[in-house]
Amino acid sequence: MTIADLGDVQLHYRLDGPEDGAPLLLVNSLGTDLRLWNDLLPLLPDGLRIIRYDKRGHGRSSLPDAPCTMGALVKDAEALLDHLDLRDAVVVGLSIGGMIAQGLAVKRLDLVRGLVLSNTAAKIGTRQIWQDRARVVEARGLEPLADGILARWLPPRALSGPQAARCREMLIAQPARGYAACCLAIAGTDFYTPTASLRLPLLGIAGSEDRATPPDLVRETVDLVPGARFCLMRGAGHLPPVDAPADYATILGDFLREIGHI
């Protein structure tokens, strides 16, 4: 287990691929940890230095006592890349990870060569929705909500398969306090104006069966950035690296080659 001590937070992370490979930072969704990408990694092109980590309050990372804000989550990604002395990374962010990726690119464009905004948006839901969910999770934990969350994550065809069982196990393993804290970070986030200022290679990915961030919501954010490309994955849900890893790897690999990252 590798931990980066970043001062106010300790992040669990993992590196895969050659040390001199092109950096690829994978930022996972709410209620998941770095295992989210397990099925995807073997399918990605050679020559990548892949960085995965558990965001604060998830997996084996710590959760400071201070309130969790999107600014803190962005700072964590920034500090991890600085800690590893990595620059010019392509950042793939899924759901809340996509919000973190947007914030990182706005704050530290020197760290980011390109963005993949997957199943995400500049603003997701309403403040009230996320505040209500945080209160429920703090009071009852994640187990009672797991089936409803999985129904938003996965397409119907995957809900009775092994993918659903793995996702459920990963979800309920997350600390309820960390999940709730990140709900409040999402509640306070609206990146429409900052994201519209970005000028860099950007790919948006949506799943046609995504009930958490529907395709039109993803496309709306992608269209903020001139020259950005949008890809709709037919039959995929909110977590396409889980329910459609081969197709996701092809889309991601094509983008990395198009922008000259590999």
Protein backbone atom coordinates (compact mmCIF):
# COMPACT_ATOMS: atom_id res chain seq x y z
CA MET A 1 0.00 0.00 0.00
CA THR A 2 1.46 3.36 -1.05
CA ILE A 3 0.44 6.48 0.85
CA ALA A 4 1.29 10.06 -0.10
CA ASP A 5 1.44 12.25 3.00
CA LEU A 6 0.26 15.60 1.67
CA GLY A 7 0.06 17.37 5.01
CA ASP A 8 -3.62 17.68 5.86
CA VAL A 9 -4.53 14.46 4.04
CA GLN A 10 -2.96 11.08 3.33
CA LEU A 11 -3.87 9.66 -0.07
CA HIS A 12 -3.66 6.01 -1.01
CA TYR A 13 -2.44 5.74 -4.60
CA ARG A 14 -1.07 3.27 -7.10
CA LEU A 15 1.26 3.59 -10.09
CA ASP A 16 1.21 1.24 -13.07
CA GLY A 17 3.23 1.21 -16.27
CA PRO A 18 6.78 2.34 -17.13
CA GLU A 19 8.33 5.15 -15.12
CA ASP A 20 8.98 7.13 -18.30
CA GLY A 21 5.47 6.54 -19.67
CA ALA A 22 3.03 9.30 -20.58
CA PRO A 23 1.12 10.26 -17.41
CA LEU A 24 -2.55 9.27 -17.21
CA LEU A 25 -4.38 10.28 -14.03
CA LEU A 26 -7.61 8.39 -13.31
CA VAL A 27 -10.00 10.07 -10.86
CA ASN A 28 -12.86 7.87 -9.73
CA SER A 29 -16.50 8.47 -8.88
CA LEU A 30 -18.38 9.01 -5.63
CA GLY A 31 -18.66 5.82 -3.60
CA THR A 32 -15.82 4.01 -5.35
CA ASP A 33 -12.09 3.64 -4.86
CA LEU A 34 -9.17 3.01 -7.21
CA ARG A 35 -10.47 -0.51 -7.90
CA LEU A 36 -13.01 1.11 -10.22
CA TRP A 37 -10.43 0.97 -13.00
CA ASN A 38 -9.23 -2.64 -12.49
CA ASP A 39 -10.89 -4.09 -15.60
CA LEU A 40 -9.81 -1.17 -17.76
CA LEU A 41 -6.08 -1.12 -17.03
CA PRO A 42 -5.05 -4.30 -18.91
CA LEU A 43 -6.87 -3.03 -22.00
CA LEU A 44 -5.15 0.35 -22.23
CA PRO A 45 -2.32 1.02 -24.73
CA ASP A 46 1.29 0.44 -23.74
CA GLY A 47 3.51 3.35 -22.81
CA LEU A 48 1.34 4.93 -20.13
CA ARG A 49 2.28 5.82 -16.56
CA ILE A 50 -1.09 5.32 -14.89
CA ILE A 51 -1.87 7.02 -11.59
CA ARG A 52 -4.90 5.99 -9.54
CA TYR A 53 -5.83 7.13 -6.07
CA ASP A 54 -8.57 7.03 -3.45
CA LYS A 55 -9.96 10.53 -3.00
CA ARG A 56 -10.20 11.82 0.55
CA GLY A 57 -12.76 9.97 2.63
CA HIS A 58 -12.72 6.95 0.31
CA GLY A 59 -10.82 3.68 0.22
CA ARG A 60 -7.65 3.84 2.26
CA SER A 61 -7.25 7.62 2.12
CA SER A 62 -7.87 9.77 5.17
CA LEU A 63 -10.65 12.28 5.77
CA PRO A 64 -9.57 15.45 7.61
CA ASP A 65 -11.92 16.92 10.18
CA ALA A 66 -12.37 20.13 8.18
CA PRO A 67 -15.37 20.27 5.80
CA CYS A 68 -14.70 18.64 2.44
CA THR A 69 -14.98 21.12 -0.44
CA MET A 70 -14.40 20.74 -4.15
CA GLY A 71 -11.42 23.04 -3.72
CA ALA A 72 -9.89 20.55 -1.28
CA LEU A 73 -10.50 17.63 -3.67
CA VAL A 74 -8.88 19.56 -6.51
CA LYS A 75 -5.95 20.47 -4.26
CA ASP A 76 -5.46 16.78 -3.44
CA ALA A 77 -5.11 15.85 -7.13
CA GLU A 78 -2.77 18.78 -7.67
CA ALA A 79 -0.63 17.90 -4.66
CA LEU A 80 -0.42 14.24 -5.68
CA LEU A 81 0.90 15.08 -9.15
CA ASP A 82 3.37 17.53 -7.60
CA HIS A 83 4.38 14.86 -5.07
CA LEU A 84 5.08 12.44 -7.93
CA ASP A 85 6.79 15.18 -9.98
CA LEU A 86 4.49 14.56 -12.95
CA ARG A 87 3.42 17.14 -15.55
CA ASP A 88 1.42 17.17 -18.78
CA ALA A 89 -0.93 14.41 -17.68
CA VAL A 90 -4.12 13.45 -19.42
CA VAL A 91 -6.72 13.44 -16.67
CA VAL A 92 -9.68 11.08 -16.87
CA GLY A 93 -12.37 12.02 -14.37
CA LEU A 94 -15.58 10.08 -13.84
CA SER A 95 -18.60 11.69 -12.14
CA ILE A 96 -17.23 13.66 -9.15
CA GLY A 97 -13.84 12.76 -10.59
CA GLY A 98 -14.78 14.73 -13.71
CA MET A 99 -15.57 17.75 -11.55
CA ILE A 100 -12.18 17.39 -9.88
CA ALA A 101 -10.57 17.15 -13.33
CA GLN A 102 -12.26 20.35 -14.46
CA GLY A 103 -11.11 22.19 -11.36
CA LEU A 104 -7.57 20.89 -11.73
CA ALA A 105 -7.32 22.02 -15.36
CA VAL A 106 -8.63 25.49 -14.47
CA LYS A 107 -6.23 25.85 -11.53
CA ARG A 108 -3.09 24.15 -12.86
CA LEU A 109 -3.07 23.91 -16.64
CA ASP A 110 0.68 23.17 -16.44
CA LEU A 111 -0.24 19.77 -15.01
CA VAL A 112 -2.91 18.89 -17.57
CA ARG A 113 -2.33 18.14 -21.24
CA GLY A 114 -5.84 16.91 -21.97
CA LEU A 115 -9.11 16.07 -20.25
CA VAL A 116 -11.53 13.17 -20.49
CA LEU A 117 -14.78 14.13 -18.79
CA SER A 118 -16.64 10.89 -18.30
CA ASN A 119 -20.23 10.67 -17.06
CA THR A 120 -19.96 14.05 -15.40
CA ALA A 121 -20.92 17.70 -15.72
CA ALA A 122 -19.98 21.19 -14.62
CA LYS A 123 -22.88 21.01 -12.16
CA ILE A 124 -24.61 17.80 -11.07
CA GLY A 125 -27.99 17.89 -9.38
CA THR A 126 -29.05 20.53 -6.87
CA ARG A 127 -27.61 21.64 -3.57
CA GLN A 128 -30.68 20.30 -1.75
CA ILE A 129 -30.46 16.83 -3.31
CA TRP A 130 -26.85 16.37 -2.21
CA GLN A 131 -27.41 17.83 1.25
CA ASP A 132 -30.34 15.46 1.76
CA ARG A 133 -28.31 12.47 0.62
CA ALA A 134 -25.44 13.40 2.92
CA ARG A 135 -27.81 13.53 5.90
CA VAL A 136 -29.32 10.15 5.07
CA VAL A 137 -25.92 8.49 4.65
CA GLU A 138 -24.61 9.97 7.89
CA ALA A 139 -27.68 8.67 9.72
CA ARG A 140 -28.14 5.26 8.10
CA GLY A 141 -24.90 4.36 6.30
CA LEU A 142 -24.58 3.23 2.69
CA GLU A 143 -26.02 -0.29 2.90
CA PRO A 144 -29.71 0.78 2.79
CA LEU A 145 -29.05 2.98 -0.27
CA ALA A 146 -26.87 0.53 -2.17
CA ASP A 147 -29.49 -1.01 -4.45
CA GLY A 148 -30.85 2.37 -5.52
CA ILE A 149 -27.35 3.67 -6.22
CA LEU A 150 -26.48 0.59 -8.28
CA ALA A 151 -29.64 1.11 -10.36
CA ARG A 152 -28.33 4.57 -11.30
CA TRP A 153 -24.81 3.30 -11.90
CA LEU A 154 -25.30 0.22 -14.07
CA PRO A 155 -27.41 -0.57 -17.15
CA PRO A 156 -30.26 -3.04 -16.56
CA ARG A 157 -28.37 -5.89 -18.25
CA ALA A 158 -25.58 -5.65 -15.65
CA LEU A 159 -27.65 -5.41 -12.47
CA SER A 160 -27.82 -9.16 -11.91
CA GLY A 161 -24.26 -9.99 -12.93
CA PRO A 162 -20.88 -10.14 -11.20
CA GLN A 163 -20.17 -6.50 -12.02
CA ALA A 164 -23.07 -5.43 -9.81
CA ALA A 165 -21.85 -7.60 -6.94
CA ARG A 166 -18.36 -6.12 -7.15
CA CYS A 167 -19.70 -2.57 -7.35
CA ARG A 168 -22.00 -3.13 -4.39
CA GLU A 169 -19.15 -4.50 -2.29
CA MET A 170 -16.95 -1.54 -3.21
CA LEU A 171 -19.72 0.95 -2.46
CA ILE A 172 -20.64 -0.32 1.00
CA ALA A 173 -16.93 -0.59 1.89
CA GLN A 174 -16.57 3.20 1.63
CA PRO A 175 -16.72 5.16 4.88
CA ALA A 176 -20.18 6.73 5.22
CA ARG A 177 -18.62 9.90 6.61
CA GLY A 178 -16.34 10.25 3.59
CA TYR A 179 -19.19 9.63 1.14
CA ALA A 180 -21.35 12.23 2.87
CA ALA A 181 -18.51 14.75 2.89
CA CYS A 182 -18.05 14.41 -0.87
CA CYS A 183 -21.81 14.79 -1.39
CA LEU A 184 -21.50 18.20 0.23
CA ALA A 185 -18.55 19.04 -2.04
CA ILE A 186 -20.71 18.30 -5.09
CA ALA A 187 -23.56 20.34 -3.59
CA GLY A 188 -21.44 23.47 -3.63
CA THR A 189 -19.94 23.07 -7.10
CA ASP A 190 -20.87 24.94 -10.28
CA PHE A 191 -18.05 24.94 -12.83
CA TYR A 192 -19.96 26.27 -15.86
CA THR A 193 -18.03 29.55 -16.06
CA PRO A 194 -14.54 28.18 -15.20
CA THR A 195 -14.89 25.22 -17.55
CA ALA A 196 -16.00 27.49 -20.39
CA SER A 197 -12.62 29.25 -20.08
CA LEU A 198 -10.62 26.08 -20.82
CA ARG A 199 -8.71 25.69 -24.08
CA LEU A 200 -7.21 22.20 -24.30
CA PRO A 201 -7.95 18.83 -25.91
CA LEU A 202 -11.10 17.48 -24.32
CA LEU A 203 -13.19 14.36 -24.80
CA GLY A 204 -16.57 13.87 -23.17
CA ILE A 205 -17.95 10.37 -22.67
CA ALA A 206 -21.55 9.53 -21.76
CA GLY A 207 -23.48 6.30 -21.38
CA SER A 208 -26.89 6.01 -23.00
CA GLU A 209 -28.18 4.15 -19.91
CA ASP A 210 -26.63 6.52 -17.36
CA ARG A 211 -29.29 7.53 -14.83
CA ALA A 212 -26.95 9.67 -12.73
CA THR A 213 -25.50 11.99 -15.40
CA PRO A 214 -27.62 11.57 -18.56
CA PRO A 215 -26.00 12.14 -21.97
CA ASP A 216 -27.57 15.57 -22.51
CA LEU A 217 -26.07 16.81 -19.23
CA VAL A 218 -22.61 15.57 -20.21
CA ARG A 219 -22.90 17.05 -23.70
CA GLU A 220 -23.92 20.44 -22.27
CA THR A 221 -20.64 20.61 -20.34
CA VAL A 222 -18.50 19.32 -23.22
CA ASP A 223 -19.99 21.98 -25.52
CA LEU A 224 -18.61 24.69 -23.24
CA VAL A 225 -15.08 24.04 -24.53
CA PRO A 226 -14.32 24.92 -28.18
CA GLY A 227 -13.12 21.96 -30.21
CA ALA A 228 -14.13 19.38 -27.58
CA ARG A 229 -15.44 16.03 -28.79
CA PHE A 230 -18.39 14.08 -27.40
CA CYS A 231 -18.79 10.29 -27.48
CA LEU A 232 -21.99 8.44 -26.59
CA MET A 233 -21.51 4.83 -25.50
CA ARG A 234 -24.64 2.93 -26.46
CA GLY A 235 -25.83 0.55 -23.74
CA ALA A 236 -23.34 1.81 -21.14
CA GLY A 237 -24.28 3.14 -17.73
CA HIS A 238 -22.70 5.58 -15.30
CA LEU A 239 -19.57 3.47 -14.84
CA PRO A 240 -18.51 2.39 -18.36
CA PRO A 241 -15.01 1.30 -17.24
CA VAL A 242 -16.92 -1.37 -15.27
CA ASP A 243 -19.76 -2.38 -17.59
CA ALA A 244 -18.04 -1.75 -20.95
CA PRO A 245 -14.25 -1.71 -20.30
CA ALA A 246 -13.17 -2.86 -23.78
CA ASP A 247 -15.16 -0.16 -25.57
CA TYR A 248 -14.05 2.43 -23.04
CA ALA A 249 -10.39 1.48 -23.53
CA THR A 250 -10.75 1.82 -27.30
CA ILE A 251 -12.31 5.27 -27.03
CA LEU A 252 -9.71 6.44 -24.53
CA GLY A 253 -6.80 4.96 -26.49
CA ASP A 254 -7.96 6.62 -29.71
CA PHE A 255 -8.12 9.99 -27.95
CA LEU A 256 -4.64 9.59 -26.47
CA ARG A 257 -3.26 8.84 -29.92
CA GLU A 258 -5.17 11.68 -31.57
CA ILE A 259 -3.62 14.28 -29.26
CA GLY A 260 -0.15 12.74 -29.49
CA HIS A 261 0.02 11.63 -25.87
CA ILE A 262 1.20 8.18 -26.90
